[in-house]
Amino acid sequence: MAYHPQTFTISAPQIVRGLFDSESSESLLLEKAACGNIRLVAKPEEWNKILWLLVNSFKNSEGKSLILGAKLGEIKKSLPIEFR
């Protein structure tokens, strides 16, 4: 019988909190998901919110985004979250 970890839904604010606050319960969820102990699922719109935050927060002195195309895809793939 195949093991299926318990699934939880997560939102963009929870993902951001988990990434930037290592003491938060959201950080623990991300860690557990990365280890395969639980499964995190988010709607595609949640990724769009994170994408907006990354593109608009990390800019050079000319106002151009420092994180573009392929790098954004790498970030999305590295998160232990299924966006569907």
PDB file of N, CA and C in Angstrom:
ATOM      1  N   MET A   1       0.843  -1.176   0.000  1.00  0.00           N
ATOM      2  CA  MET A   1       0.000   0.000   0.000  1.00  0.00           C
ATOM      3  C   MET A   1       0.893   1.246   0.000  1.00  0.00           C
ATOM      4  N   ALA A   2       0.604   2.162  -0.896  1.00  0.00           N
ATOM      5  CA  ALA A   2       1.399   3.375  -1.036  1.00  0.00           C
ATOM      6  C   ALA A   2       1.093   4.358   0.085  1.00  0.00           C
ATOM      7  N   TYR A   3       2.124   5.048   0.505  1.00  0.00           N
ATOM      8  CA  TYR A   3       1.982   6.063   1.548  1.00  0.00           C
ATOM      9  C   TYR A   3       1.536   7.375   0.914  1.00  0.00           C
ATOM     10  N   HIS A   4       0.489   7.960   1.443  1.00  0.00           N
ATOM     11  CA  HIS A   4      -0.001   9.258   0.990  1.00  0.00           C
ATOM     12  C   HIS A   4      -0.021  10.202   2.183  1.00  0.00           C
ATOM     13  N   PRO A   5       0.889  11.190   2.192  1.00  0.00           N
ATOM     14  CA  PRO A   5       0.925  12.110   3.325  1.00  0.00           C
ATOM     15  C   PRO A   5      -0.342  12.969   3.385  1.00  0.00           C
ATOM     16  N   GLN A   6      -0.634  13.424   4.569  1.00  0.00           N
ATOM     17  CA  GLN A   6      -1.784  14.296   4.772  1.00  0.00           C
ATOM     18  C   GLN A   6      -1.588  15.582   3.980  1.00  0.00           C
ATOM     19  N   THR A   7      -2.655  16.063   3.351  1.00  0.00           N
ATOM     20  CA  THR A   7      -2.600  17.245   2.503  1.00  0.00           C
ATOM     21  C   THR A   7      -3.179  18.459   3.213  1.00  0.00           C
ATOM     22  N   PHE A   8      -2.476  19.589   3.063  1.00  0.00           N
ATOM     23  CA  PHE A   8      -2.923  20.855   3.637  1.00  0.00           C
ATOM     24  C   PHE A   8      -2.907  21.918   2.545  1.00  0.00           C
ATOM     25  N   THR A   9      -3.861  22.824   2.617  1.00  0.00           N
ATOM     26  CA  THR A   9      -3.900  23.961   1.699  1.00  0.00           C
ATOM     27  C   THR A   9      -3.161  25.123   2.356  1.00  0.00           C
ATOM     28  N   ILE A  10      -2.379  25.826   1.543  1.00  0.00           N
ATOM     29  CA  ILE A  10      -1.589  26.941   2.063  1.00  0.00           C
ATOM     30  C   ILE A  10      -1.784  28.156   1.153  1.00  0.00           C
ATOM     31  N   SER A  11      -1.737  29.342   1.740  1.00  0.00           N
ATOM     32  CA  SER A  11      -1.949  30.585   0.992  1.00  0.00           C
ATOM     33  C   SER A  11      -0.622  31.328   0.811  1.00  0.00           C
ATOM     34  N   ALA A  12      -0.622  32.316  -0.061  1.00  0.00           N
ATOM     35  CA  ALA A  12       0.581  33.116  -0.305  1.00  0.00           C
ATOM     36  C   ALA A  12       1.107  33.784   0.975  1.00  0.00           C
ATOM     37  N   PRO A  13       0.241  34.422   1.783  1.00  0.00           N
ATOM     38  CA  PRO A  13       0.772  35.024   3.015  1.00  0.00           C
ATOM     39  C   PRO A  13       1.411  33.984   3.946  1.00  0.00           C
ATOM     40  N   GLN A  14       0.849  32.796   3.994  1.00  0.00           N
ATOM     41  CA  GLN A  14       1.429  31.745   4.830  1.00  0.00           C
ATOM     42  C   GLN A  14       2.772  31.283   4.279  1.00  0.00           C
ATOM     43  N   ILE A  15       2.875  31.179   2.957  1.00  0.00           N
ATOM     44  CA  ILE A  15       4.137  30.778   2.332  1.00  0.00           C
ATOM     45  C   ILE A  15       5.222  31.813   2.631  1.00  0.00           C
ATOM     46  N   VAL A  16       4.898  33.077   2.446  1.00  0.00           N
ATOM     47  CA  VAL A  16       5.871  34.143   2.699  1.00  0.00           C
ATOM     48  C   VAL A  16       6.296  34.139   4.170  1.00  0.00           C
ATOM     49  N   ARG A  17       5.335  34.002   5.069  1.00  0.00           N
ATOM     50  CA  ARG A  17       5.654  33.954   6.500  1.00  0.00           C
ATOM     51  C   ARG A  17       6.579  32.771   6.795  1.00  0.00           C
ATOM     52  N   GLY A  18       6.290  31.642   6.197  1.00  0.00           N
ATOM     53  CA  GLY A  18       7.116  30.457   6.403  1.00  0.00           C
ATOM     54  C   GLY A  18       8.531  30.622   5.882  1.00  0.00           C
ATOM     55  N   LEU A  19       8.684  31.323   4.780  1.00  0.00           N
ATOM     56  CA  LEU A  19      10.003  31.531   4.199  1.00  0.00           C
ATOM     57  C   LEU A  19      10.840  32.543   4.962  1.00  0.00           C
ATOM     58  N   PHE A  20      10.193  33.549   5.545  1.00  0.00           N
ATOM     59  CA  PHE A  20      10.939  34.642   6.172  1.00  0.00           C
ATOM     60  C   PHE A  20      10.935  34.633   7.695  1.00  0.00           C
ATOM     61  N   ASP A  21      10.150  33.754   8.307  1.00  0.00           N
ATOM     62  CA  ASP A  21      10.109  33.667   9.772  1.00  0.00           C
ATOM     63  C   ASP A  21      10.325  32.218  10.179  1.00  0.00           C
ATOM     64  N   SER A  22      11.568  31.885  10.481  1.00  0.00           N
ATOM     65  CA  SER A  22      11.917  30.497  10.788  1.00  0.00           C
ATOM     66  C   SER A  22      11.280  29.981  12.076  1.00  0.00           C
ATOM     67  N   GLU A  23      10.741  30.872  12.885  1.00  0.00           N
ATOM     68  CA  GLU A  23      10.100  30.476  14.134  1.00  0.00           C
ATOM     69  C   GLU A  23       8.587  30.264  13.977  1.00  0.00           C
ATOM     70  N   SER A  24       8.054  30.493  12.794  1.00  0.00           N
ATOM     71  CA  SER A  24       6.605  30.407  12.591  1.00  0.00           C
ATOM     72  C   SER A  24       6.138  28.969  12.360  1.00  0.00           C
ATOM     73  N   SER A  25       4.865  28.756  12.598  1.00  0.00           N
ATOM     74  CA  SER A  25       4.288  27.435  12.332  1.00  0.00           C
ATOM     75  C   SER A  25       4.275  27.155  10.831  1.00  0.00           C
ATOM     76  N   GLU A  26       4.191  28.204  10.017  1.00  0.00           N
ATOM     77  CA  GLU A  26       4.235  28.042   8.568  1.00  0.00           C
ATOM     78  C   GLU A  26       5.598  27.529   8.115  1.00  0.00           C
ATOM     79  N   SER A  27       6.651  27.962   8.779  1.00  0.00           N
ATOM     80  CA  SER A  27       7.992  27.474   8.477  1.00  0.00           C
ATOM     81  C   SER A  27       8.081  25.976   8.765  1.00  0.00           C
ATOM     82  N   LEU A  28       7.476  25.566   9.842  1.00  0.00           N
ATOM     83  CA  LEU A  28       7.449  24.143  10.192  1.00  0.00           C
ATOM     84  C   LEU A  28       6.690  23.342   9.131  1.00  0.00           C
ATOM     85  N   LEU A  29       5.593  23.897   8.626  1.00  0.00           N
ATOM     86  CA  LEU A  29       4.834  23.228   7.562  1.00  0.00           C
ATOM     87  C   LEU A  29       5.699  23.052   6.314  1.00  0.00           C
ATOM     88  N   LEU A  30       6.412  24.102   5.924  1.00  0.00           N
ATOM     89  CA  LEU A  30       7.281  24.020   4.750  1.00  0.00           C
ATOM     90  C   LEU A  30       8.373  22.967   4.950  1.00  0.00           C
ATOM     91  N   GLU A  31       8.924  22.922   6.138  1.00  0.00           N
ATOM     92  CA  GLU A  31       9.968  21.937   6.443  1.00  0.00           C
ATOM     93  C   GLU A  31       9.418  20.516   6.365  1.00  0.00           C
ATOM     94  N   LYS A  32       8.239  20.312   6.957  1.00  0.00           N
ATOM     95  CA  LYS A  32       7.625  18.982   6.920  1.00  0.00           C
ATOM     96  C   LYS A  32       7.292  18.562   5.492  1.00  0.00           C
ATOM     97  N   ALA A  33       6.838  19.515   4.680  1.00  0.00           N
ATOM     98  CA  ALA A  33       6.528  19.220   3.276  1.00  0.00           C
ATOM     99  C   ALA A  33       7.801  18.881   2.503  1.00  0.00           C
ATOM    100  N   ALA A  34       8.879  19.600   2.770  1.00  0.00           N
ATOM    101  CA  ALA A  34      10.146  19.335   2.098  1.00  0.00           C
ATOM    102  C   ALA A  34      10.673  17.945   2.437  1.00  0.00           C
ATOM    103  N   CYS A  35      10.359  17.463   3.630  1.00  0.00           N
ATOM    104  CA  CYS A  35      10.786  16.122   4.062  1.00  0.00           C
ATOM    105  C   CYS A  35       9.817  15.030   3.607  1.00  0.00           C
ATOM    106  N   GLY A  36       8.700  15.430   3.019  1.00  0.00           N
ATOM    107  CA  GLY A  36       7.726  14.454   2.539  1.00  0.00           C
ATOM    108  C   GLY A  36       6.758  13.952   3.592  1.00  0.00           C
ATOM    109  N   ASN A  37       6.753  14.602   4.755  1.00  0.00           N
ATOM    110  CA  ASN A  37       5.858  14.165   5.836  1.00  0.00           C
ATOM    111  C   ASN A  37       4.427  14.638   5.636  1.00  0.00           C
ATOM    112  N   ILE A  38       4.261  15.748   4.940  1.00  0.00           N
ATOM    113  CA  ILE A  38       2.937  16.264   4.605  1.00  0.00           C
ATOM    114  C   ILE A  38       2.988  16.753   3.158  1.00  0.00           C
ATOM    115  N   ARG A  39       1.844  17.067   2.615  1.00  0.00           N
ATOM    116  CA  ARG A  39       1.746  17.591   1.256  1.00  0.00           C
ATOM    117  C   ARG A  39       1.074  18.954   1.321  1.00  0.00           C
ATOM    118  N   LEU A  40       1.701  19.960   0.721  1.00  0.00           N
ATOM    119  CA  LEU A  40       1.129  21.304   0.688  1.00  0.00           C
ATOM    120  C   LEU A  40       0.636  21.609  -0.719  1.00  0.00           C
ATOM    121  N   VAL A  41      -0.585  22.136  -0.791  1.00  0.00           N
ATOM    122  CA  VAL A  41      -1.211  22.467  -2.061  1.00  0.00           C
ATOM    123  C   VAL A  41      -1.685  23.917  -1.990  1.00  0.00           C
ATOM    124  N   ALA A  42      -1.481  24.642  -3.087  1.00  0.00           N
ATOM    125  CA  ALA A  42      -1.951  26.025  -3.183  1.00  0.00           C
ATOM    126  C   ALA A  42      -2.537  26.243  -4.572  1.00  0.00           C
ATOM    127  N   LYS A  43      -3.453  27.171  -4.656  1.00  0.00           N
ATOM    128  CA  LYS A  43      -4.040  27.528  -5.947  1.00  0.00           C
ATOM    129  C   LYS A  43      -2.996  28.298  -6.763  1.00  0.00           C
ATOM    130  N   PRO A  44      -3.089  28.229  -8.091  1.00  0.00           N
ATOM    131  CA  PRO A  44      -2.135  28.969  -8.936  1.00  0.00           C
ATOM    132  C   PRO A  44      -2.109  30.464  -8.634  1.00  0.00           C
ATOM    133  N   GLU A  45      -3.243  31.018  -8.209  1.00  0.00           N
ATOM    134  CA  GLU A  45      -3.295  32.444  -7.892  1.00  0.00           C
ATOM    135  C   GLU A  45      -2.344  32.794  -6.747  1.00  0.00           C
ATOM    136  N   GLU A  46      -2.096  31.836  -5.867  1.00  0.00           N
ATOM    137  CA  GLU A  46      -1.184  32.084  -4.740  1.00  0.00           C
ATOM    138  C   GLU A  46       0.247  32.260  -5.258  1.00  0.00           C
ATOM    139  N   TRP A  47       0.624  31.467  -6.277  1.00  0.00           N
ATOM    140  CA  TRP A  47       1.943  31.652  -6.869  1.00  0.00           C
ATOM    141  C   TRP A  47       2.034  33.020  -7.522  1.00  0.00           C
ATOM    142  N   ASN A  48       0.957  33.463  -8.174  1.00  0.00           N
ATOM    143  CA  ASN A  48       0.954  34.781  -8.813  1.00  0.00           C
ATOM    144  C   ASN A  48       1.203  35.886  -7.796  1.00  0.00           C
ATOM    145  N   LYS A  49       0.677  35.741  -6.599  1.00  0.00           N
ATOM    146  CA  LYS A  49       0.900  36.732  -5.543  1.00  0.00           C
ATOM    147  C   LYS A  49       2.363  36.743  -5.117  1.00  0.00           C
ATOM    148  N   ILE A  50       2.957  35.568  -4.988  1.00  0.00           N
ATOM    149  CA  ILE A  50       4.366  35.475  -4.608  1.00  0.00           C
ATOM    150  C   ILE A  50       5.235  36.031  -5.732  1.00  0.00           C
ATOM    151  N   LEU A  51       4.879  35.705  -6.949  1.00  0.00           N
ATOM    152  CA  LEU A  51       5.583  36.215  -8.118  1.00  0.00           C
ATOM    153  C   LEU A  51       5.585  37.740  -8.118  1.00  0.00           C
ATOM    154  N   TRP A  52       4.426  38.335  -7.886  1.00  0.00           N
ATOM    155  CA  TRP A  52       4.315  39.789  -7.836  1.00  0.00           C
ATOM    156  C   TRP A  52       5.240  40.349  -6.757  1.00  0.00           C
ATOM    157  N   LEU A  53       5.235  39.716  -5.580  1.00  0.00           N
ATOM    158  CA  LEU A  53       6.077  40.177  -4.476  1.00  0.00           C
ATOM    159  C   LEU A  53       7.554  40.127  -4.860  1.00  0.00           C
ATOM    160  N   LEU A  54       7.992  39.032  -5.454  1.00  0.00           N
ATOM    161  CA  LEU A  54       9.398  38.892  -5.829  1.00  0.00           C
ATOM    162  C   LEU A  54       9.813  39.911  -6.884  1.00  0.00           C
ATOM    163  N   VAL A  55       9.005  40.040  -7.913  1.00  0.00           N
ATOM    164  CA  VAL A  55       9.334  40.950  -9.016  1.00  0.00           C
ATOM    165  C   VAL A  55       9.351  42.403  -8.547  1.00  0.00           C
ATOM    166  N   ASN A  56       8.448  42.763  -7.663  1.00  0.00           N
ATOM    167  CA  ASN A  56       8.344  44.158  -7.237  1.00  0.00           C
ATOM    168  C   ASN A  56       9.192  44.508  -6.018  1.00  0.00           C
ATOM    169  N   SER A  57       9.699  43.516  -5.310  1.00  0.00           N
ATOM    170  CA  SER A  57      10.504  43.792  -4.113  1.00  0.00           C
ATOM    171  C   SER A  57      11.994  43.830  -4.395  1.00  0.00           C
ATOM    172  N   PHE A  58      12.443  43.016  -5.323  1.00  0.00           N
ATOM    173  CA  PHE A  58      13.879  42.914  -5.587  1.00  0.00           C
ATOM    174  C   PHE A  58      14.197  43.607  -6.906  1.00  0.00           C
ATOM    175  N   LYS A  59      14.544  44.904  -6.795  1.00  0.00           N
ATOM    176  CA  LYS A  59      14.837  45.724  -7.970  1.00  0.00           C
ATOM    177  C   LYS A  59      16.199  46.385  -7.818  1.00  0.00           C
ATOM    178  N   ASN A  60      16.810  46.694  -8.944  1.00  0.00           N
ATOM    179  CA  ASN A  60      18.087  47.404  -8.909  1.00  0.00           C
ATOM    180  C   ASN A  60      17.844  48.902  -8.778  1.00  0.00           C
ATOM    181  N   SER A  61      18.911  49.680  -8.806  1.00  0.00           N
ATOM    182  CA  SER A  61      18.781  51.131  -8.621  1.00  0.00           C
ATOM    183  C   SER A  61      18.019  51.812  -9.756  1.00  0.00           C
ATOM    184  N   GLU A  62      17.904  51.146 -10.885  1.00  0.00           N
ATOM    185  CA  GLU A  62      17.155  51.683 -12.023  1.00  0.00           C
ATOM    186  C   GLU A  62      15.677  51.286 -11.979  1.00  0.00           C
ATOM    187  N   GLY A  63      15.319  50.495 -10.982  1.00  0.00           N
ATOM    188  CA  GLY A  63      13.928  50.071 -10.854  1.00  0.00           C
ATOM    189  C   GLY A  63      13.566  48.808 -11.620  1.00  0.00           C
ATOM    190  N   LYS A  64      14.585  48.136 -12.182  1.00  0.00           N
ATOM    191  CA  LYS A  64      14.327  46.905 -12.937  1.00  0.00           C
ATOM    192  C   LYS A  64      14.430  45.707 -12.001  1.00  0.00           C
ATOM    193  N   SER A  65      13.561  44.728 -12.231  1.00  0.00           N
ATOM    194  CA  SER A  65      13.533  43.542 -11.389  1.00  0.00           C
ATOM    195  C   SER A  65      14.840  42.759 -11.505  1.00  0.00           C
ATOM    196  N   LEU A  66      15.330  42.273 -10.376  1.00  0.00           N
ATOM    197  CA  LEU A  66      16.549  41.470 -10.339  1.00  0.00           C
ATOM    198  C   LEU A  66      16.260  39.986 -10.565  1.00  0.00           C
ATOM    199  N   ILE A  67      15.021  39.594 -10.394  1.00  0.00           N
ATOM    200  CA  ILE A  67      14.646  38.189 -10.554  1.00  0.00           C
ATOM    201  C   ILE A  67      13.733  38.100 -11.773  1.00  0.00           C
ATOM    202  N   LEU A  68      14.193  37.361 -12.782  1.00  0.00           N
ATOM    203  CA  LEU A  68      13.444  37.271 -14.024  1.00  0.00           C
ATOM    204  C   LEU A  68      13.197  35.810 -14.419  1.00  0.00           C
ATOM    205  N   GLY A  69      12.361  35.612 -15.405  1.00  0.00           N
ATOM    206  CA  GLY A  69      11.999  34.367 -16.052  1.00  0.00           C
ATOM    207  C   GLY A  69      12.456  33.055 -15.453  1.00  0.00           C
ATOM    208  N   ALA A  70      13.603  32.576 -15.919  1.00  0.00           N
ATOM    209  CA  ALA A  70      14.077  31.254 -15.525  1.00  0.00           C
ATOM    210  C   ALA A  70      14.297  31.157 -14.017  1.00  0.00           C
ATOM    211  N   LYS A  71      14.802  32.211 -13.422  1.00  0.00           N
ATOM    212  CA  LYS A  71      15.050  32.198 -11.973  1.00  0.00           C
ATOM    213  C   LYS A  71      13.734  32.070 -11.202  1.00  0.00           C
ATOM    214  N   LEU A  72      12.684  32.739 -11.679  1.00  0.00           N
ATOM    215  CA  LEU A  72      11.376  32.633 -11.033  1.00  0.00           C
ATOM    216  C   LEU A  72      10.861  31.202 -11.125  1.00  0.00           C
ATOM    217  N   GLY A  73      11.091  30.565 -12.260  1.00  0.00           N
ATOM    218  CA  GLY A  73      10.696  29.163 -12.421  1.00  0.00           C
ATOM    219  C   GLY A  73      11.450  28.255 -11.468  1.00  0.00           C
ATOM    220  N   GLU A  74      12.737  28.518 -11.273  1.00  0.00           N
ATOM    221  CA  GLU A  74      13.548  27.737 -10.332  1.00  0.00           C
ATOM    222  C   GLU A  74      13.030  27.888  -8.901  1.00  0.00           C
ATOM    223  N   ILE A  75      12.666  29.102  -8.557  1.00  0.00           N
ATOM    224  CA  ILE A  75      12.139  29.357  -7.210  1.00  0.00           C
ATOM    225  C   ILE A  75      10.849  28.577  -7.009  1.00  0.00           C
ATOM    226  N   LYS A  76       9.975  28.623  -7.990  1.00  0.00           N
ATOM    227  CA  LYS A  76       8.699  27.905  -7.885  1.00  0.00           C
ATOM    228  C   LYS A  76       8.926  26.408  -7.725  1.00  0.00           C
ATOM    229  N   LYS A  77       9.840  25.855  -8.518  1.00  0.00           N
ATOM    230  CA  LYS A  77      10.131  24.417  -8.447  1.00  0.00           C
ATOM    231  C   LYS A  77      10.772  24.015  -7.128  1.00  0.00           C
ATOM    232  N   SER A  78      11.498  24.940  -6.511  1.00  0.00           N
ATOM    233  CA  SER A  78      12.199  24.606  -5.272  1.00  0.00           C
ATOM    234  C   SER A  78      11.286  24.604  -4.042  1.00  0.00           C
ATOM    235  N   LEU A  79      10.102  25.213  -4.180  1.00  0.00           N
ATOM    236  CA  LEU A  79       9.161  25.222  -3.048  1.00  0.00           C
ATOM    237  C   LEU A  79       8.491  23.857  -2.923  1.00  0.00           C
ATOM    238  N   PRO A  80       8.314  23.369  -1.702  1.00  0.00           N
ATOM    239  CA  PRO A  80       7.676  22.062  -1.504  1.00  0.00           C
ATOM    240  C   PRO A  80       6.149  22.170  -1.536  1.00  0.00           C
ATOM    241  N   ILE A  81       5.654  22.833  -2.593  1.00  0.00           N
ATOM    242  CA  ILE A  81       4.221  23.137  -2.699  1.00  0.00           C
ATOM    243  C   ILE A  81       3.765  22.785  -4.103  1.00  0.00           C
ATOM    244  N   GLU A  82       2.592  22.176  -4.187  1.00  0.00           N
ATOM    245  CA  GLU A  82       1.967  21.918  -5.482  1.00  0.00           C
ATOM    246  C   GLU A  82       1.000  23.063  -5.754  1.00  0.00           C
ATOM    247  N   PHE A  83       1.256  23.783  -6.836  1.00  0.00           N
ATOM    248  CA  PHE A  83       0.343  24.871  -7.231  1.00  0.00           C
ATOM    249  C   PHE A  83      -0.594  24.298  -8.283  1.00  0.00           C
ATOM    250  N   ARG A  84      -1.849  24.067  -7.852  1.00  0.00           N
ATOM    251  CA  ARG A  84      -2.847  23.506  -8.782  1.00  0.00           C
ATOM    252  C   ARG A  84      -4.239  23.923  -8.393  1.00  0.00           C
TER     253      ARG A  84
END
